[in-house]
Amino acid sequence: MKGVYFMISYEPFWKTLKEKHISQYKLIKKFGVSAGQLSRMRANEYISTHTIDELCKIIDCRVEDIMVYIKDE
């Protein structure tokens, strides 16, 4: 589809972290989340479903609390 772009946004993830009072530092140091993964999420770049699954377990949340699909026209 020419001119139509699809994107996953991780904006809900940052809101969820704030609501649950979990810092990026804690994710990295306590739970072993890669700083590179967090960097990719800040840029709305690809992360694996395995990573999403692990984040849901760590944060005790749903996939919708981490990412949202946005259709950009």
C-alpha atoms as a PDB file:
ATOM      1  CA  MET A   1       0.000   0.000   0.000  1.00  0.00           C
ATOM      2  CA  LYS A   2       1.816   3.017  -1.291  1.00  0.00           C
ATOM      3  CA  GLY A   3       2.079   5.984   1.081  1.00  0.00           C
ATOM      4  CA  VAL A   4       0.702   4.136   4.118  1.00  0.00           C
ATOM      5  CA  TYR A   5       3.049   3.323   6.991  1.00  0.00           C
ATOM      6  CA  PHE A   6       2.408   1.137   9.998  1.00  0.00           C
ATOM      7  CA  MET A   7       4.153   1.516  13.278  1.00  0.00           C
ATOM      8  CA  ILE A   8       4.356   0.119  16.746  1.00  0.00           C
ATOM      9  CA  SER A   9       4.693   2.752  19.445  1.00  0.00           C
ATOM     10  CA  TYR A  10       6.063   1.950  22.884  1.00  0.00           C
ATOM     11  CA  GLU A  11       4.582   5.095  24.445  1.00  0.00           C
ATOM     12  CA  PRO A  12       2.323   3.001  26.722  1.00  0.00           C
ATOM     13  CA  PHE A  13       5.455   1.317  28.131  1.00  0.00           C
ATOM     14  CA  TRP A  14       6.882   4.598  29.431  1.00  0.00           C
ATOM     15  CA  LYS A  15       3.536   5.530  30.983  1.00  0.00           C
ATOM     16  CA  THR A  16       3.261   2.096  32.609  1.00  0.00           C
ATOM     17  CA  LEU A  17       6.764   2.378  34.062  1.00  0.00           C
ATOM     18  CA  LYS A  18       5.898   5.747  35.548  1.00  0.00           C
ATOM     19  CA  GLU A  19       2.586   4.518  36.983  1.00  0.00           C
ATOM     20  CA  LYS A  20       4.288   1.505  38.583  1.00  0.00           C
ATOM     21  CA  HIS A  21       7.262   3.565  39.829  1.00  0.00           C
ATOM     22  CA  ILE A  22       9.801   1.410  37.976  1.00  0.00           C
ATOM     23  CA  SER A  23      12.917   3.137  36.662  1.00  0.00           C
ATOM     24  CA  GLN A  24      14.924   2.184  33.617  1.00  0.00           C
ATOM     25  CA  TYR A  25      17.873   1.797  35.961  1.00  0.00           C
ATOM     26  CA  LYS A  26      15.967  -0.831  37.952  1.00  0.00           C
ATOM     27  CA  LEU A  27      15.005  -2.689  34.771  1.00  0.00           C
ATOM     28  CA  ILE A  28      18.656  -2.826  33.735  1.00  0.00           C
ATOM     29  CA  LYS A  29      20.310  -3.522  37.088  1.00  0.00           C
ATOM     30  CA  LYS A  30      17.740  -5.678  38.894  1.00  0.00           C
ATOM     31  CA  PHE A  31      16.028  -7.475  36.025  1.00  0.00           C
ATOM     32  CA  GLY A  32      18.801  -7.606  33.411  1.00  0.00           C
ATOM     33  CA  VAL A  33      16.931  -5.755  30.683  1.00  0.00           C
ATOM     34  CA  SER A  34      19.344  -4.618  27.997  1.00  0.00           C
ATOM     35  CA  ALA A  35      19.978  -0.884  27.741  1.00  0.00           C
ATOM     36  CA  GLY A  36      19.992  -1.452  23.980  1.00  0.00           C
ATOM     37  CA  GLN A  37      16.455  -2.829  24.119  1.00  0.00           C
ATOM     38  CA  LEU A  38      15.285   0.249  25.995  1.00  0.00           C
ATOM     39  CA  SER A  39      17.077   2.453  23.487  1.00  0.00           C
ATOM     40  CA  ARG A  40      15.301   0.701  20.601  1.00  0.00           C
ATOM     41  CA  MET A  41      11.984   1.145  22.391  1.00  0.00           C
ATOM     42  CA  ARG A  42      12.621   4.883  22.806  1.00  0.00           C
ATOM     43  CA  ALA A  43      13.135   5.046  19.034  1.00  0.00           C
ATOM     44  CA  ASN A  44      10.057   2.849  18.352  1.00  0.00           C
ATOM     45  CA  GLU A  45      12.282   0.282  16.656  1.00  0.00           C
ATOM     46  CA  TYR A  46      11.792  -3.482  16.533  1.00  0.00           C
ATOM     47  CA  ILE A  47      12.093  -5.572  19.681  1.00  0.00           C
ATOM     48  CA  SER A  48      11.352  -9.287  19.834  1.00  0.00           C
ATOM     49  CA  THR A  49       8.162 -10.814  21.153  1.00  0.00           C
ATOM     50  CA  HIS A  50      10.380 -12.612  23.674  1.00  0.00           C
ATOM     51  CA  THR A  51      11.437  -9.226  25.060  1.00  0.00           C
ATOM     52  CA  ILE A  52       7.826  -8.058  25.191  1.00  0.00           C
ATOM     53  CA  ASP A  53       6.904 -11.255  27.041  1.00  0.00           C
ATOM     54  CA  GLU A  54       9.721 -10.738  29.552  1.00  0.00           C
ATOM     55  CA  LEU A  55       8.730  -7.104  30.127  1.00  0.00           C
ATOM     56  CA  CYS A  56       5.117  -8.151  30.769  1.00  0.00           C
ATOM     57  CA  LYS A  57       6.347 -10.625  33.389  1.00  0.00           C
ATOM     58  CA  ILE A  58       8.706  -8.129  35.039  1.00  0.00           C
ATOM     59  CA  ILE A  59       6.240  -5.256  35.128  1.00  0.00           C
ATOM     60  CA  ASP A  60       3.181  -7.474  35.678  1.00  0.00           C
ATOM     61  CA  CYS A  61       1.201  -5.952  32.850  1.00  0.00           C
ATOM     62  CA  ARG A  62      -0.495  -6.723  29.546  1.00  0.00           C
ATOM     63  CA  VAL A  63       0.931  -6.284  26.046  1.00  0.00           C
ATOM     64  CA  GLU A  64      -1.350  -3.253  25.585  1.00  0.00           C
ATOM     65  CA  ASP A  65       0.447  -1.632  28.519  1.00  0.00           C
ATOM     66  CA  ILE A  66       3.704  -1.827  26.562  1.00  0.00           C
ATOM     67  CA  MET A  67       2.874  -1.158  22.932  1.00  0.00           C
ATOM     68  CA  VAL A  68       0.213   0.138  20.582  1.00  0.00           C
ATOM     69  CA  TYR A  69      -0.233  -0.186  16.823  1.00  0.00           C
ATOM     70  CA  ILE A  70      -0.538   3.110  14.948  1.00  0.00           C
ATOM     71  CA  LYS A  71      -1.531   3.409  11.311  1.00  0.00           C
ATOM     72  CA  ASP A  72       0.169   6.446   9.811  1.00  0.00           C
ATOM     73  CA  GLU A  73      -1.279   7.834   6.606  1.00  0.00           C
END
